[in-house]
Amino acid sequence: MLKKPKLYGKLTYIDIKITNGISYKKKFSNNWRFTSKNIFDKITGNVGSHYINLLIHLFKSIKKKQIIDMSINKKNDTSLIMLKAGQNTLVNLYLSYSNPLSDEFNLYFTNAILKIKNNRITIYKPRDCFDKNNNFISPPIKEVGKFNQNNEYLSSLKNSIKFFLMTVEKKSKLPIKYFNNSKKTLKFFI
């Protein structure tokens, strides 16, 4: 996706928003997502663990973290996870079952902003764009590509299950790096 990463500069901030409104559906009024005391049943661990696992995989380490859980419509329906990953990358992960649907990723680099939203990938660059008074203005937008976020999610899930089943079928061992990454993810929440 990033064919010329040097053009974008250093990654400094990631903002992820994953939301939907299931807490307002009657059929979810007594759902385990809102009644369980287990962090991995609540949105923080149930949804957040996948993104934390990805961040640990990409950055190898999480330096600092803060988790704020909130109840907007139901108990424990919203979470904000803030962390420092890798050398100097800040991350905000906002998760909620009490907002309109959003599946949004914003990556801030020192010379560009990459946004993934509504099945579109857009890049704002370069940083040094000025008006006639030499004040900073927003960089020009370039659409880089389109993809169906839901299809990507389902494809990834299917590939993960296929990988697991093939490993079991061949009586192979799962690579230790996956186990260790999962352990780090569990430790993040405990």
Protein backbone atom coordinates (compact mmCIF):
# COMPACT_ATOMS: atom_id res chain seq x y z
CA MET A 1 0.00 0.00 0.00
CA LEU A 2 2.75 2.47 0.86
CA LYS A 3 4.89 2.14 -2.25
CA LYS A 4 7.25 4.99 -1.36
CA PRO A 5 7.20 5.21 2.45
CA LYS A 6 10.00 7.82 2.57
CA LEU A 7 7.64 10.29 0.87
CA TYR A 8 5.28 10.04 3.83
CA GLY A 9 7.87 10.50 6.55
CA LYS A 10 7.87 8.91 9.97
CA LEU A 11 4.66 7.44 11.42
CA THR A 12 3.81 9.48 14.53
CA TYR A 13 0.12 8.87 15.32
CA ILE A 14 -2.61 6.32 14.62
CA ASP A 15 -6.28 7.06 15.26
CA ILE A 16 -8.70 4.12 14.92
CA LYS A 17 -12.47 4.34 15.41
CA ILE A 18 -14.57 1.17 15.34
CA THR A 19 -18.20 1.75 16.29
CA ASN A 20 -21.75 0.54 15.76
CA GLY A 21 -25.06 0.94 17.57
CA ILE A 22 -25.91 -2.58 18.76
CA SER A 23 -26.41 -1.44 22.36
CA TYR A 24 -29.67 0.20 21.22
CA LYS A 25 -31.10 -3.01 19.75
CA LYS A 26 -33.66 -4.70 22.02
CA LYS A 27 -32.37 -8.18 21.24
CA PHE A 28 -29.01 -7.16 22.78
CA SER A 29 -30.48 -5.84 26.05
CA ASN A 30 -29.19 -8.82 28.08
CA ASN A 31 -26.35 -9.77 25.75
CA TRP A 32 -23.09 -11.11 27.23
CA ARG A 33 -21.25 -8.08 25.80
CA PHE A 34 -22.97 -5.90 28.39
CA THR A 35 -23.49 -8.30 31.31
CA SER A 36 -20.18 -10.12 31.63
CA LYS A 37 -17.45 -8.99 34.02
CA ASN A 38 -14.76 -10.63 31.85
CA ILE A 39 -12.72 -7.97 30.00
CA PHE A 40 -12.53 -10.23 26.92
CA ASP A 41 -16.34 -10.26 26.67
CA LYS A 42 -16.58 -6.45 26.88
CA ILE A 43 -15.81 -4.28 23.86
CA THR A 44 -12.39 -3.40 25.32
CA GLY A 45 -11.07 -6.95 25.10
CA ASN A 46 -13.49 -8.51 22.62
CA VAL A 47 -12.87 -6.00 19.82
CA GLY A 48 -9.80 -4.20 21.15
CA SER A 49 -7.71 -7.37 21.46
CA HIS A 50 -7.58 -7.78 17.67
CA TYR A 51 -6.18 -4.28 17.18
CA ILE A 52 -3.77 -4.59 20.10
CA ASN A 53 -2.56 -7.89 18.63
CA LEU A 54 -1.98 -6.16 15.29
CA LEU A 55 -0.14 -3.25 16.94
CA ILE A 56 2.09 -5.61 18.92
CA HIS A 57 2.82 -7.51 15.69
CA LEU A 58 3.70 -4.29 13.83
CA PHE A 59 5.58 -2.42 16.56
CA LYS A 60 6.91 -5.32 18.67
CA SER A 61 6.31 -3.38 21.88
CA ILE A 62 3.83 -1.20 23.70
CA LYS A 63 5.55 1.29 26.02
CA LYS A 64 2.65 2.96 27.83
CA LYS A 65 -1.08 2.38 27.93
CA GLN A 66 -4.24 3.80 29.39
CA ILE A 67 -7.71 2.29 29.05
CA ILE A 68 -10.88 4.26 29.77
CA ASP A 69 -14.14 2.28 29.81
CA MET A 70 -17.46 4.09 29.66
CA SER A 71 -21.15 3.29 29.71
CA ILE A 72 -23.06 5.43 27.22
CA ASN A 73 -26.22 3.35 26.69
CA LYS A 74 -25.37 0.02 28.31
CA LYS A 75 -22.79 -1.10 30.83
CA ASN A 76 -19.27 -1.15 29.36
CA ASP A 77 -20.35 -0.32 25.80
CA THR A 78 -17.51 2.07 24.99
CA SER A 79 -13.74 2.12 25.42
CA LEU A 80 -10.82 4.39 24.63
CA ILE A 81 -7.42 2.73 24.53
CA MET A 82 -4.45 5.10 24.37
CA LEU A 83 -0.90 3.88 24.02
CA LYS A 84 2.62 4.56 22.90
CA ALA A 85 3.96 1.94 20.50
CA GLY A 86 7.38 1.31 19.05
CA GLN A 87 9.84 4.17 19.29
CA ASN A 88 7.51 7.19 19.22
CA THR A 89 4.09 6.40 17.80
CA LEU A 90 0.98 7.42 19.73
CA VAL A 91 -2.21 5.41 19.20
CA ASN A 92 -5.85 6.11 20.05
CA LEU A 93 -8.31 3.27 19.64
CA TYR A 94 -11.95 4.28 20.15
CA LEU A 95 -14.44 1.42 20.33
CA SER A 96 -18.17 1.76 20.93
CA TYR A 97 -21.42 -0.19 20.66
CA SER A 98 -23.34 3.08 21.19
CA ASN A 99 -22.47 5.23 18.17
CA PRO A 100 -23.33 5.21 14.47
CA LEU A 101 -21.33 2.76 12.37
CA SER A 102 -17.75 3.83 11.78
CA ASP A 103 -14.75 1.87 10.58
CA GLU A 104 -12.04 4.50 10.28
CA PHE A 105 -8.25 4.50 10.33
CA ASN A 106 -6.11 7.65 10.26
CA LEU A 107 -2.34 7.38 10.10
CA TYR A 108 -0.35 10.57 10.64
CA PHE A 109 3.16 10.72 9.22
CA THR A 110 5.56 13.66 9.40
CA ASN A 111 4.81 14.51 5.74
CA ALA A 112 1.37 12.97 5.06
CA ILE A 113 -1.94 11.78 6.47
CA LEU A 114 -3.36 8.50 5.24
CA LYS A 115 -7.09 7.93 5.83
CA ILE A 116 -9.11 4.78 5.37
CA LYS A 117 -12.85 5.41 5.60
CA ASN A 118 -15.96 4.43 3.67
CA ASN A 119 -13.99 1.93 1.59
CA ARG A 120 -11.63 4.64 0.32
CA ILE A 121 -7.95 5.20 0.94
CA THR A 122 -6.93 8.85 0.68
CA ILE A 123 -3.61 10.56 1.26
CA TYR A 124 -3.10 14.20 2.20
CA LYS A 125 0.41 15.37 1.32
CA PRO A 126 2.85 17.07 1.42
CA ARG A 127 2.96 18.77 4.82
CA ASP A 128 4.50 21.98 3.47
CA CYS A 129 1.52 23.60 1.75
CA PHE A 130 1.02 27.32 2.23
CA ASP A 131 -1.45 30.07 1.35
CA LYS A 132 -0.48 33.45 -0.09
CA ASN A 133 0.39 34.70 3.44
CA ASN A 134 2.76 31.76 3.95
CA ASN A 135 0.44 30.10 6.53
CA PHE A 136 0.01 26.33 6.54
CA ILE A 137 -3.04 25.01 4.70
CA SER A 138 -4.39 21.48 4.37
CA PRO A 139 -2.44 19.39 1.88
CA PRO A 140 -4.07 18.29 -1.36
CA ILE A 141 -6.07 15.05 -1.24
CA LYS A 142 -5.30 12.13 -3.48
CA GLU A 143 -7.45 9.00 -3.57
CA VAL A 144 -5.05 6.09 -3.71
CA GLY A 145 -7.47 3.22 -3.86
CA LYS A 146 -10.72 1.62 -2.93
CA PHE A 147 -11.46 -1.59 -1.14
CA ASN A 148 -14.40 -3.10 0.66
CA GLN A 149 -13.52 -3.03 4.34
CA ASN A 150 -16.17 -5.62 5.21
CA ASN A 151 -14.94 -7.98 2.49
CA GLU A 152 -11.36 -7.53 3.73
CA TYR A 153 -12.48 -8.36 7.26
CA LEU A 154 -14.36 -11.49 6.13
CA SER A 155 -11.48 -12.59 3.89
CA SER A 156 -9.00 -12.18 6.73
CA LEU A 157 -11.22 -14.19 9.06
CA LYS A 158 -11.63 -16.94 6.47
CA ASN A 159 -7.85 -17.07 5.84
CA SER A 160 -7.12 -17.24 9.58
CA ILE A 161 -9.52 -20.15 10.07
CA LYS A 162 -8.16 -21.89 6.98
CA PHE A 163 -4.57 -21.47 8.26
CA PHE A 164 -5.52 -22.89 11.66
CA LEU A 165 -7.42 -25.87 10.22
CA MET A 166 -4.62 -26.70 7.79
CA THR A 167 -2.09 -26.57 10.62
CA VAL A 168 -4.22 -28.95 12.71
CA GLU A 169 -4.92 -31.23 9.74
CA LYS A 170 -1.19 -31.54 8.95
CA LYS A 171 -0.51 -32.04 12.68
CA SER A 172 1.96 -29.17 12.44
CA LYS A 173 2.84 -26.79 15.22
CA LEU A 174 1.72 -23.20 15.20
CA PRO A 175 4.74 -20.90 14.93
CA ILE A 176 5.88 -19.83 18.38
CA LYS A 177 5.85 -16.16 17.30
CA TYR A 178 2.01 -16.29 17.01
CA PHE A 179 1.72 -17.81 20.46
CA ASN A 180 4.07 -15.21 21.94
CA ASN A 181 2.21 -12.37 20.24
CA SER A 182 -1.08 -13.68 21.66
CA LYS A 183 0.48 -13.89 25.12
CA LYS A 184 1.58 -10.26 24.86
CA THR A 185 -1.94 -9.30 23.80
CA LEU A 186 -3.47 -11.08 26.82
CA LYS A 187 -0.93 -9.46 29.16
CA PHE A 188 -1.82 -6.04 27.75
CA PHE A 189 -5.36 -6.40 29.16
CA ILE A 190 -4.63 -8.23 32.40
